[in-house]
PDB file of N, CA and C in Angstrom:
ATOM      1  N   MET A   1     -12.297   5.356 -47.716  1.00  0.00           N
ATOM      2  CA  MET A   1     -11.796   6.424 -47.068  1.00  0.00           C
ATOM      3  C   MET A   1     -12.422   7.653 -47.715  1.00  0.00           C
ATOM      4  N   ALA A   2     -12.878   8.599 -46.855  1.00  0.00           N
ATOM      5  CA  ALA A   2     -13.472   9.804 -47.386  1.00  0.00           C
ATOM      6  C   ALA A   2     -12.347  10.707 -47.966  1.00  0.00           C
ATOM      7  N   LYS A   3     -12.777  11.390 -48.973  1.00  0.00           N
ATOM      8  CA  LYS A   3     -11.644  12.256 -49.565  1.00  0.00           C
ATOM      9  C   LYS A   3     -12.075  13.702 -48.999  1.00  0.00           C
ATOM     10  N   LEU A   4     -11.102  14.624 -48.831  1.00  0.00           N
ATOM     11  CA  LEU A   4     -11.267  15.859 -48.364  1.00  0.00           C
ATOM     12  C   LEU A   4     -11.871  16.642 -49.629  1.00  0.00           C
ATOM     13  N   ASN A   5     -12.799  17.557 -49.257  1.00  0.00           N
ATOM     14  CA  ASN A   5     -13.233  18.729 -50.079  1.00  0.00           C
ATOM     15  C   ASN A   5     -12.305  19.811 -50.006  1.00  0.00           C
ATOM     16  N   CYS A   6     -12.442  20.885 -50.850  1.00  0.00           N
ATOM     17  CA  CYS A   6     -11.452  22.101 -50.848  1.00  0.00           C
ATOM     18  C   CYS A   6     -11.521  22.815 -49.559  1.00  0.00           C
ATOM     19  N   TRP A   7     -12.774  23.023 -49.076  1.00  0.00           N
ATOM     20  CA  TRP A   7     -12.857  23.928 -47.892  1.00  0.00           C
ATOM     21  C   TRP A   7     -12.275  23.154 -46.636  1.00  0.00           C
ATOM     22  N   GLU A   8     -12.172  21.806 -46.669  1.00  0.00           N
ATOM     23  CA  GLU A   8     -11.583  21.031 -45.625  1.00  0.00           C
ATOM     24  C   GLU A   8     -10.090  21.207 -45.661  1.00  0.00           C
ATOM     25  N   PHE A   9      -9.759  20.949 -46.923  1.00  0.00           N
ATOM     26  CA  PHE A   9      -8.262  20.948 -47.289  1.00  0.00           C
ATOM     27  C   PHE A   9      -7.623  22.375 -46.993  1.00  0.00           C
ATOM     28  N   LYS A  10      -8.286  23.328 -47.441  1.00  0.00           N
ATOM     29  CA  LYS A  10      -7.662  24.728 -47.313  1.00  0.00           C
ATOM     30  C   LYS A  10      -8.131  25.567 -45.984  1.00  0.00           C
ATOM     31  N   LYS A  11      -9.133  24.812 -45.264  1.00  0.00           N
ATOM     32  CA  LYS A  11      -9.506  25.424 -44.083  1.00  0.00           C
ATOM     33  C   LYS A  11     -10.045  26.844 -44.174  1.00  0.00           C
ATOM     34  N   CYS A  12     -10.796  27.126 -45.312  1.00  0.00           N
ATOM     35  CA  CYS A  12     -11.181  28.476 -45.476  1.00  0.00           C
ATOM     36  C   CYS A  12     -12.299  28.913 -44.625  1.00  0.00           C
ATOM     37  N   GLY A  13     -13.160  28.019 -44.041  1.00  0.00           N
ATOM     38  CA  GLY A  13     -14.109  28.602 -43.202  1.00  0.00           C
ATOM     39  C   GLY A  13     -15.443  29.032 -43.959  1.00  0.00           C
ATOM     40  N   ARG A  14     -15.539  28.761 -45.357  1.00  0.00           N
ATOM     41  CA  ARG A  14     -16.500  29.209 -46.054  1.00  0.00           C
ATOM     42  C   ARG A  14     -17.655  28.208 -46.406  1.00  0.00           C
ATOM     43  N   GLU A  15     -17.593  27.049 -45.916  1.00  0.00           N
ATOM     44  CA  GLU A  15     -18.718  26.083 -46.119  1.00  0.00           C
ATOM     45  C   GLU A  15     -19.886  26.388 -45.321  1.00  0.00           C
ATOM     46  N   PRO A  16     -21.045  25.945 -45.457  1.00  0.00           N
ATOM     47  CA  PRO A  16     -22.223  26.212 -44.597  1.00  0.00           C
ATOM     48  C   PRO A  16     -21.881  25.901 -43.135  1.00  0.00           C
ATOM     49  N   GLY A  17     -22.157  26.987 -42.287  1.00  0.00           N
ATOM     50  CA  GLY A  17     -21.799  26.926 -41.006  1.00  0.00           C
ATOM     51  C   GLY A  17     -20.378  27.121 -40.466  1.00  0.00           C
ATOM     52  N   GLY A  18     -19.559  27.573 -41.625  1.00  0.00           N
ATOM     53  CA  GLY A  18     -18.095  27.620 -41.280  1.00  0.00           C
ATOM     54  C   GLY A  18     -17.828  29.052 -40.633  1.00  0.00           C
ATOM     55  N   ALA A  19     -16.598  29.118 -40.017  1.00  0.00           N
ATOM     56  CA  ALA A  19     -16.136  30.218 -39.121  1.00  0.00           C
ATOM     57  C   ALA A  19     -16.088  31.514 -40.075  1.00  0.00           C
ATOM     58  N   LYS A  20     -16.002  31.680 -41.186  1.00  0.00           N
ATOM     59  CA  LYS A  20     -15.789  32.861 -41.996  1.00  0.00           C
ATOM     60  C   LYS A  20     -17.030  33.187 -42.875  1.00  0.00           C
ATOM     61  N   VAL A  21     -18.131  32.410 -42.646  1.00  0.00           N
ATOM     62  CA  VAL A  21     -19.272  32.596 -43.483  1.00  0.00           C
ATOM     63  C   VAL A  21     -19.864  34.156 -43.436  1.00  0.00           C
ATOM     64  N   LYS A  22     -20.007  34.656 -42.095  1.00  0.00           N
ATOM     65  CA  LYS A  22     -20.450  36.076 -41.890  1.00  0.00           C
ATOM     66  C   LYS A  22     -19.608  36.934 -42.394  1.00  0.00           C
ATOM     67  N   GLU A  23     -18.457  36.818 -42.501  1.00  0.00           N
ATOM     68  CA  GLU A  23     -17.468  37.790 -43.062  1.00  0.00           C
ATOM     69  C   GLU A  23     -17.219  37.705 -44.569  1.00  0.00           C
ATOM     70  N   LEU A  24     -17.207  36.404 -45.195  1.00  0.00           N
ATOM     71  CA  LEU A  24     -16.983  36.338 -46.492  1.00  0.00           C
ATOM     72  C   LEU A  24     -18.087  35.688 -47.215  1.00  0.00           C
ATOM     73  N   GLY A  25     -18.900  35.040 -46.697  1.00  0.00           N
ATOM     74  CA  GLY A  25     -20.138  34.368 -47.318  1.00  0.00           C
ATOM     75  C   GLY A  25     -19.926  33.026 -47.587  1.00  0.00           C
ATOM     76  N   VAL A  26     -20.802  32.256 -48.060  1.00  0.00           N
ATOM     77  CA  VAL A  26     -20.610  30.712 -48.395  1.00  0.00           C
ATOM     78  C   VAL A  26     -19.922  30.733 -49.820  1.00  0.00           C
ATOM     79  N   CYS A  27     -19.039  29.849 -49.822  1.00  0.00           N
ATOM     80  CA  CYS A  27     -18.292  29.675 -51.141  1.00  0.00           C
ATOM     81  C   CYS A  27     -19.288  28.870 -52.011  1.00  0.00           C
ATOM     82  N   PRO A  28     -19.342  29.240 -53.518  1.00  0.00           N
ATOM     83  CA  PRO A  28     -20.086  28.520 -54.309  1.00  0.00           C
ATOM     84  C   PRO A  28     -19.845  27.122 -54.405  1.00  0.00           C
ATOM     85  N   ALA A  29     -18.553  26.772 -54.177  1.00  0.00           N
ATOM     86  CA  ALA A  29     -18.051  25.333 -54.471  1.00  0.00           C
ATOM     87  C   ALA A  29     -18.758  24.468 -53.278  1.00  0.00           C
ATOM     88  N   ALA A  30     -18.983  24.981 -52.198  1.00  0.00           N
ATOM     89  CA  ALA A  30     -19.603  24.357 -51.109  1.00  0.00           C
ATOM     90  C   ALA A  30     -20.967  24.032 -51.200  1.00  0.00           C
ATOM     91  N   VAL A  31     -21.781  24.672 -52.073  1.00  0.00           N
ATOM     92  CA  VAL A  31     -23.075  24.529 -52.107  1.00  0.00           C
ATOM     93  C   VAL A  31     -23.606  24.135 -53.611  1.00  0.00           C
ATOM     94  N   GLU A  32     -22.729  23.931 -54.621  1.00  0.00           N
ATOM     95  CA  GLU A  32     -22.917  23.728 -56.059  1.00  0.00           C
ATOM     96  C   GLU A  32     -23.365  22.222 -56.049  1.00  0.00           C
ATOM     97  N   LYS A  33     -24.784  21.936 -56.027  1.00  0.00           N
ATOM     98  CA  LYS A  33     -25.340  20.537 -56.047  1.00  0.00           C
ATOM     99  C   LYS A  33     -25.239  19.742 -57.407  1.00  0.00           C
ATOM    100  N   ARG A  34     -25.162  20.565 -58.450  1.00  0.00           N
ATOM    101  CA  ARG A  34     -25.175  19.841 -59.868  1.00  0.00           C
ATOM    102  C   ARG A  34     -23.989  19.023 -60.031  1.00  0.00           C
ATOM    103  N   VAL A  35     -22.950  19.303 -59.350  1.00  0.00           N
ATOM    104  CA  VAL A  35     -21.683  18.418 -59.710  1.00  0.00           C
ATOM    105  C   VAL A  35     -21.367  17.524 -58.277  1.00  0.00           C
ATOM    106  N   ASP A  36     -22.133  17.326 -57.570  1.00  0.00           N
ATOM    107  CA  ASP A  36     -22.135  16.520 -56.373  1.00  0.00           C
ATOM    108  C   ASP A  36     -21.621  15.111 -56.775  1.00  0.00           C
ATOM    109  N   GLY A  37     -20.642  14.613 -56.058  1.00  0.00           N
ATOM    110  CA  GLY A  37     -20.115  13.219 -56.265  1.00  0.00           C
ATOM    111  C   GLY A  37     -18.948  13.255 -57.301  1.00  0.00           C
ATOM    112  N   ILE A  38     -18.777  14.430 -58.025  1.00  0.00           N
ATOM    113  CA  ILE A  38     -17.653  14.364 -58.991  1.00  0.00           C
ATOM    114  C   ILE A  38     -16.367  14.265 -58.233  1.00  0.00           C
ATOM    115  N   ASN A  39     -15.394  13.482 -58.662  1.00  0.00           N
ATOM    116  CA  ASN A  39     -14.176  13.194 -57.974  1.00  0.00           C
ATOM    117  C   ASN A  39     -14.330  12.743 -56.596  1.00  0.00           C
ATOM    118  N   ARG A  40     -15.449  12.360 -56.429  1.00  0.00           N
ATOM    119  CA  ARG A  40     -15.811  11.663 -54.952  1.00  0.00           C
ATOM    120  C   ARG A  40     -16.010  12.893 -53.938  1.00  0.00           C
ATOM    121  N   GLY A  41     -16.387  13.979 -54.350  1.00  0.00           N
ATOM    122  CA  GLY A  41     -16.564  15.117 -53.477  1.00  0.00           C
ATOM    123  C   GLY A  41     -17.999  15.531 -53.105  1.00  0.00           C
ATOM    124  N   LYS A  42     -18.069  16.383 -52.287  1.00  0.00           N
ATOM    125  CA  LYS A  42     -19.516  16.772 -51.900  1.00  0.00           C
ATOM    126  C   LYS A  42     -19.669  18.172 -52.520  1.00  0.00           C
ATOM    127  N   ASN A  43     -20.782  18.324 -53.325  1.00  0.00           N
ATOM    128  CA  ASN A  43     -21.037  19.393 -54.204  1.00  0.00           C
ATOM    129  C   ASN A  43     -19.858  19.643 -55.129  1.00  0.00           C
ATOM    130  N   ALA A  44     -19.268  20.885 -55.160  1.00  0.00           N
ATOM    131  CA  ALA A  44     -18.225  21.122 -56.013  1.00  0.00           C
ATOM    132  C   ALA A  44     -16.840  21.043 -55.136  1.00  0.00           C
ATOM    133  N   GLY A  45     -16.900  20.370 -54.207  1.00  0.00           N
ATOM    134  CA  GLY A  45     -15.763  20.305 -53.084  1.00  0.00           C
ATOM    135  C   GLY A  45     -14.392  19.658 -53.690  1.00  0.00           C
ATOM    136  N   ARG A  46     -14.475  18.861 -54.910  1.00  0.00           N
ATOM    137  CA  ARG A  46     -13.487  18.098 -55.389  1.00  0.00           C
ATOM    138  C   ARG A  46     -13.305  18.606 -56.943  1.00  0.00           C
ATOM    139  N   CYS A  47     -14.067  19.630 -57.384  1.00  0.00           N
ATOM    140  CA  CYS A  47     -13.915  20.158 -58.782  1.00  0.00           C
ATOM    141  C   CYS A  47     -13.985  21.648 -58.621  1.00  0.00           C
ATOM    142  N   CYS A  48     -13.513  22.356 -57.581  1.00  0.00           N
ATOM    143  CA  CYS A  48     -13.777  23.679 -57.359  1.00  0.00           C
ATOM    144  C   CYS A  48     -13.209  24.662 -58.432  1.00  0.00           C
ATOM    145  N   TRP A  49     -12.183  24.034 -59.168  1.00  0.00           N
ATOM    146  CA  TRP A  49     -11.436  24.732 -60.232  1.00  0.00           C
ATOM    147  C   TRP A  49     -12.332  25.185 -61.365  1.00  0.00           C
ATOM    148  N   ALA A  50     -13.526  24.410 -61.558  1.00  0.00           N
ATOM    149  CA  ALA A  50     -14.589  24.709 -62.580  1.00  0.00           C
ATOM    150  C   ALA A  50     -15.715  25.519 -62.135  1.00  0.00           C
ATOM    151  N   CYS A  51     -15.735  25.842 -60.803  1.00  0.00           N
ATOM    152  CA  CYS A  51     -16.905  26.449 -60.134  1.00  0.00           C
ATOM    153  C   CYS A  51     -16.463  27.992 -60.072  1.00  0.00           C
ATOM    154  N   ALA A  52     -17.467  28.860 -60.819  1.00  0.00           N
ATOM    155  CA  ALA A  52     -17.273  30.103 -60.824  1.00  0.00           C
ATOM    156  C   ALA A  52     -17.509  30.895 -59.418  1.00  0.00           C
ATOM    157  N   GLY A  53     -16.796  31.945 -59.243  1.00  0.00           N
ATOM    158  CA  GLY A  53     -16.877  32.633 -58.009  1.00  0.00           C
ATOM    159  C   GLY A  53     -16.343  32.217 -56.742  1.00  0.00           C
ATOM    160  N   THR A  54     -15.495  31.256 -56.615  1.00  0.00           N
ATOM    161  CA  THR A  54     -14.730  30.789 -55.503  1.00  0.00           C
ATOM    162  C   THR A  54     -13.817  31.768 -54.901  1.00  0.00           C
ATOM    163  N   PHE A  55     -13.600  31.794 -53.817  1.00  0.00           N
ATOM    164  CA  PHE A  55     -12.785  32.838 -53.086  1.00  0.00           C
ATOM    165  C   PHE A  55     -11.507  32.204 -52.572  1.00  0.00           C
ATOM    166  N   CYS A  56     -10.351  32.225 -53.341  1.00  0.00           N
ATOM    167  CA  CYS A  56      -9.164  31.595 -53.149  1.00  0.00           C
ATOM    168  C   CYS A  56      -8.090  32.680 -53.257  1.00  0.00           C
ATOM    169  N   GLU A  57      -7.036  32.476 -52.407  1.00  0.00           N
ATOM    170  CA  GLU A  57      -5.980  33.471 -52.488  1.00  0.00           C
ATOM    171  C   GLU A  57      -6.480  34.915 -52.223  1.00  0.00           C
ATOM    172  N   GLY A  58      -7.508  34.996 -51.377  1.00  0.00           N
ATOM    173  CA  GLY A  58      -7.881  36.276 -50.840  1.00  0.00           C
ATOM    174  C   GLY A  58      -8.846  36.994 -51.783  1.00  0.00           C
ATOM    175  N   LYS A  59      -9.171  36.486 -52.887  1.00  0.00           N
ATOM    176  CA  LYS A  59     -10.040  37.186 -53.883  1.00  0.00           C
ATOM    177  C   LYS A  59     -11.033  36.281 -54.522  1.00  0.00           C
ATOM    178  N   VAL A  60     -12.179  36.839 -55.047  1.00  0.00           N
ATOM    179  CA  VAL A  60     -13.012  36.153 -55.866  1.00  0.00           C
ATOM    180  C   VAL A  60     -12.327  35.722 -57.210  1.00  0.00           C
ATOM    181  N   GLN A  61     -12.436  34.479 -57.514  1.00  0.00           N
ATOM    182  CA  GLN A  61     -11.667  34.001 -58.681  1.00  0.00           C
ATOM    183  C   GLN A  61     -12.280  34.124 -60.154  1.00  0.00           C
ATOM    184  N   GLY A  62     -13.565  34.163 -60.077  1.00  0.00           N
ATOM    185  CA  GLY A  62     -14.151  34.383 -61.456  1.00  0.00           C
ATOM    186  C   GLY A  62     -14.550  33.044 -62.113  1.00  0.00           C
ATOM    187  N   VAL A  63     -14.799  33.218 -63.342  1.00  0.00           N
ATOM    188  CA  VAL A  63     -15.062  31.976 -64.139  1.00  0.00           C
ATOM    189  C   VAL A  63     -13.913  31.162 -64.485  1.00  0.00           C
ATOM    190  N   PHE A  64     -14.361  29.928 -64.911  1.00  0.00           N
ATOM    191  CA  PHE A  64     -13.355  28.946 -65.246  1.00  0.00           C
ATOM    192  C   PHE A  64     -12.169  29.485 -66.160  1.00  0.00           C
ATOM    193  N   ALA A  65     -12.645  30.105 -67.228  1.00  0.00           N
ATOM    194  CA  ALA A  65     -11.527  30.533 -68.161  1.00  0.00           C
ATOM    195  C   ALA A  65     -10.496  31.583 -67.610  1.00  0.00           C
ATOM    196  N   SER A  66     -10.951  32.275 -66.627  1.00  0.00           N
ATOM    197  CA  SER A  66     -10.111  33.248 -65.992  1.00  0.00           C
ATOM    198  C   SER A  66      -9.332  32.764 -64.819  1.00  0.00           C
ATOM    199  N   LYS A  67      -9.712  31.615 -64.344  1.00  0.00           N
ATOM    200  CA  LYS A  67      -9.065  31.093 -63.100  1.00  0.00           C
ATOM    201  C   LYS A  67      -8.314  29.720 -63.226  1.00  0.00           C
ATOM    202  N   ILE A  68      -8.493  29.059 -64.413  1.00  0.00           N
ATOM    203  CA  ILE A  68      -8.015  27.806 -64.420  1.00  0.00           C
ATOM    204  C   ILE A  68      -6.306  27.759 -64.443  1.00  0.00           C
ATOM    205  N   THR A  69      -5.773  28.654 -65.042  1.00  0.00           N
ATOM    206  CA  THR A  69      -4.227  28.606 -64.932  1.00  0.00           C
ATOM    207  C   THR A  69      -3.704  28.535 -63.434  1.00  0.00           C
ATOM    208  N   SER A  70      -4.211  29.507 -62.656  1.00  0.00           N
ATOM    209  CA  SER A  70      -3.795  29.435 -61.205  1.00  0.00           C
ATOM    210  C   SER A  70      -4.263  28.192 -60.498  1.00  0.00           C
ATOM    211  N   CYS A  71      -5.537  27.734 -60.864  1.00  0.00           N
ATOM    212  CA  CYS A  71      -6.106  26.544 -60.234  1.00  0.00           C
ATOM    213  C   CYS A  71      -5.163  25.153 -60.558  1.00  0.00           C
ATOM    214  N   LEU A  72      -4.614  25.223 -61.800  1.00  0.00           N
ATOM    215  CA  LEU A  72      -3.792  24.052 -62.010  1.00  0.00           C
ATOM    216  C   LEU A  72      -2.452  24.114 -61.266  1.00  0.00           C
ATOM    217  N   GLN A  73      -2.103  25.128 -60.727  1.00  0.00           N
ATOM    218  CA  GLN A  73      -0.988  25.147 -59.755  1.00  0.00           C
ATOM    219  C   GLN A  73      -1.303  24.976 -58.266  1.00  0.00           C
ATOM    220  N   CYS A  74      -2.675  24.944 -58.008  1.00  0.00           N
ATOM    221  CA  CYS A  74      -3.079  24.695 -56.608  1.00  0.00           C
ATOM    222  C   CYS A  74      -2.794  23.394 -56.062  1.00  0.00           C
ATOM    223  N   ASP A  75      -2.228  23.377 -54.737  1.00  0.00           N
ATOM    224  CA  ASP A  75      -1.940  22.193 -54.117  1.00  0.00           C
ATOM    225  C   ASP A  75      -3.134  21.290 -53.987  1.00  0.00           C
ATOM    226  N   PHE A  76      -4.309  21.747 -53.881  1.00  0.00           N
ATOM    227  CA  PHE A  76      -5.573  21.022 -53.691  1.00  0.00           C
ATOM    228  C   PHE A  76      -5.754  20.323 -55.179  1.00  0.00           C
ATOM    229  N   PHE A  77      -5.558  20.999 -56.219  1.00  0.00           N
ATOM    230  CA  PHE A  77      -5.870  20.560 -57.509  1.00  0.00           C
ATOM    231  C   PHE A  77      -5.033  19.244 -57.600  1.00  0.00           C
ATOM    232  N   LYS A  78      -3.626  19.487 -57.305  1.00  0.00           N
ATOM    233  CA  LYS A  78      -2.844  18.387 -57.608  1.00  0.00           C
ATOM    234  C   LYS A  78      -2.939  17.228 -56.682  1.00  0.00           C
ATOM    235  N   LEU A  79      -3.572  17.368 -55.476  1.00  0.00           N
ATOM    236  CA  LEU A  79      -3.837  16.261 -54.609  1.00  0.00           C
ATOM    237  C   LEU A  79      -5.097  15.555 -55.283  1.00  0.00           C
ATOM    238  N   VAL A  80      -6.152  16.193 -55.738  1.00  0.00           N
ATOM    239  CA  VAL A  80      -7.219  15.546 -56.339  1.00  0.00           C
ATOM    240  C   VAL A  80      -6.783  14.797 -57.540  1.00  0.00           C
ATOM    241  N   ALA A  81      -6.102  15.497 -58.462  1.00  0.00           N
ATOM    242  CA  ALA A  81      -5.507  14.761 -59.549  1.00  0.00           C
ATOM    243  C   ALA A  81      -4.681  13.554 -59.280  1.00  0.00           C
ATOM    244  N   LYS A  82      -3.909  13.528 -58.213  1.00  0.00           N
ATOM    245  CA  LYS A  82      -3.217  12.335 -57.874  1.00  0.00           C
ATOM    246  C   LYS A  82      -4.026  11.272 -57.276  1.00  0.00           C
ATOM    247  N   GLU A  83      -4.979  11.640 -56.448  1.00  0.00           N
ATOM    248  CA  GLU A  83      -5.780  10.593 -55.920  1.00  0.00           C
ATOM    249  C   GLU A  83      -6.867   9.969 -56.903  1.00  0.00           C
ATOM    250  N   GLU A  84      -7.434  10.773 -57.923  1.00  0.00           N
ATOM    251  CA  GLU A  84      -8.397  10.324 -58.765  1.00  0.00           C
ATOM    252  C   GLU A  84      -7.636   9.707 -59.910  1.00  0.00           C
ATOM    253  N   GLY A  85      -6.240  10.107 -60.264  1.00  0.00           N
ATOM    254  CA  GLY A  85      -5.550   9.362 -61.338  1.00  0.00           C
ATOM    255  C   GLY A  85      -6.487   9.516 -62.629  1.00  0.00           C
ATOM    256  N   HIS A  86      -6.477   8.393 -63.452  1.00  0.00           N
ATOM    257  CA  HIS A  86      -7.278   8.350 -64.616  1.00  0.00           C
ATOM    258  C   HIS A  86      -8.642   8.448 -64.549  1.00  0.00           C
ATOM    259  N   ASN A  87      -9.241   8.541 -63.268  1.00  0.00           N
ATOM    260  CA  ASN A  87     -10.737   8.807 -63.118  1.00  0.00           C
ATOM    261  C   ASN A  87     -10.921  10.195 -62.898  1.00  0.00           C
ATOM    262  N   LEU A  88     -10.013  10.986 -62.743  1.00  0.00           N
ATOM    263  CA  LEU A  88     -10.192  12.515 -62.590  1.00  0.00           C
ATOM    264  C   LEU A  88     -11.214  13.077 -63.843  1.00  0.00           C
ATOM    265  N   LYS A  89     -12.170  13.763 -63.457  1.00  0.00           N
ATOM    266  CA  LYS A  89     -13.147  14.207 -64.351  1.00  0.00           C
ATOM    267  C   LYS A  89     -12.593  15.412 -65.021  1.00  0.00           C
ATOM    268  N   THR A  90     -12.700  15.528 -66.331  1.00  0.00           N
ATOM    269  CA  THR A  90     -12.227  16.506 -67.095  1.00  0.00           C
ATOM    270  C   THR A  90     -13.033  17.882 -66.801  1.00  0.00           C
ATOM    271  N   ALA A  91     -12.361  19.043 -67.147  1.00  0.00           N
ATOM    272  CA  ALA A  91     -13.090  20.199 -66.982  1.00  0.00           C
ATOM    273  C   ALA A  91     -14.294  20.184 -68.004  1.00  0.00           C
ATOM    274  N   LYS A  92     -14.209  19.586 -69.045  1.00  0.00           N
ATOM    275  CA  LYS A  92     -15.413  19.712 -70.049  1.00  0.00           C
ATOM    276  C   LYS A  92     -16.557  18.837 -69.420  1.00  0.00           C
ATOM    277  N   ASP A  93     -16.257  17.644 -68.721  1.00  0.00           N
ATOM    278  CA  ASP A  93     -17.389  16.892 -68.034  1.00  0.00           C
ATOM    279  C   ASP A  93     -17.973  17.614 -66.953  1.00  0.00           C
ATOM    280  N   ILE A  94     -17.194  18.460 -66.203  1.00  0.00           N
ATOM    281  CA  ILE A  94     -17.673  19.214 -65.127  1.00  0.00           C
ATOM    282  C   ILE A  94     -18.476  20.401 -65.715  1.00  0.00           C
ATOM    283  N   LEU A  95     -18.025  21.150 -66.647  1.00  0.00           N
ATOM    284  CA  LEU A  95     -18.745  22.265 -67.095  1.00  0.00           C
ATOM    285  C   LEU A  95     -20.013  21.807 -67.854  1.00  0.00           C
ATOM    286  N   ASP A  96     -20.034  20.742 -68.361  1.00  0.00           N
ATOM    287  CA  ASP A  96     -21.247  20.118 -69.006  1.00  0.00           C
ATOM    288  C   ASP A  96     -22.416  19.983 -67.873  1.00  0.00           C
ATOM    289  N   LYS A  97     -21.907  19.577 -66.731  1.00  0.00           N
ATOM    290  CA  LYS A  97     -22.791  19.194 -65.742  1.00  0.00           C
ATOM    291  C   LYS A  97     -23.329  20.532 -65.222  1.00  0.00           C
ATOM    292  N   LEU A  98     -22.448  21.531 -65.143  1.00  0.00           N
ATOM    293  CA  LEU A  98     -22.797  22.913 -64.610  1.00  0.00           C
ATOM    294  C   LEU A  98     -23.677  23.606 -65.583  1.00  0.00           C
ATOM    295  N   GLY A  99     -23.640  23.011 -66.785  1.00  0.00           N
ATOM    296  CA  GLY A  99     -24.555  23.649 -67.916  1.00  0.00           C
ATOM    297  C   GLY A  99     -24.140  24.950 -68.285  1.00  0.00           C
ATOM    298  N   LYS A 100     -22.684  25.108 -68.189  1.00  0.00           N
ATOM    299  CA  LYS A 100     -22.320  26.680 -68.687  1.00  0.00           C
ATOM    300  C   LYS A 100     -20.893  26.406 -69.158  1.00  0.00           C
ATOM    301  N   GLU A 101     -20.853  25.440 -70.132  1.00  0.00           N
ATOM    302  CA  GLU A 101     -19.508  25.130 -70.759  1.00  0.00           C
ATOM    303  C   GLU A 101     -19.014  26.153 -71.412  1.00  0.00           C
ATOM    304  N   GLU A 102     -17.661  26.598 -71.197  1.00  0.00           N
ATOM    305  CA  GLU A 102     -16.890  27.798 -71.680  1.00  0.00           C
ATOM    306  C   GLU A 102     -15.939  27.213 -72.665  1.00  0.00           C
ATOM    307  N   LYS A 103     -15.863  27.870 -73.762  1.00  0.00           N
ATOM    308  CA  LYS A 103     -14.858  27.598 -74.800  1.00  0.00           C
ATOM    309  C   LYS A 103     -13.558  28.296 -74.650  1.00  0.00           C
TER     310      LYS A 103
END
């Protein structure tokens, strides 16, 4: 069974071809190919919490260090964590793939 990506779950319309791309632009999570497949998602669609510049809660979220606290409370993060269980990729794994590990 295919797993939902963040833009599908949140219905934000910021995926390529989405309803809000003209207004808000394409979300970095929808096009970040370096982490494609992590947590069984497309691009950063199931690890959006590690992707800088996502647009959640009506504002740009910034880098991992500044957004992770709110991301850990997100209903989508909690769903992915539950679905992936012990196979959930750690932030370190994801940031290593992105090539911009933050301490």
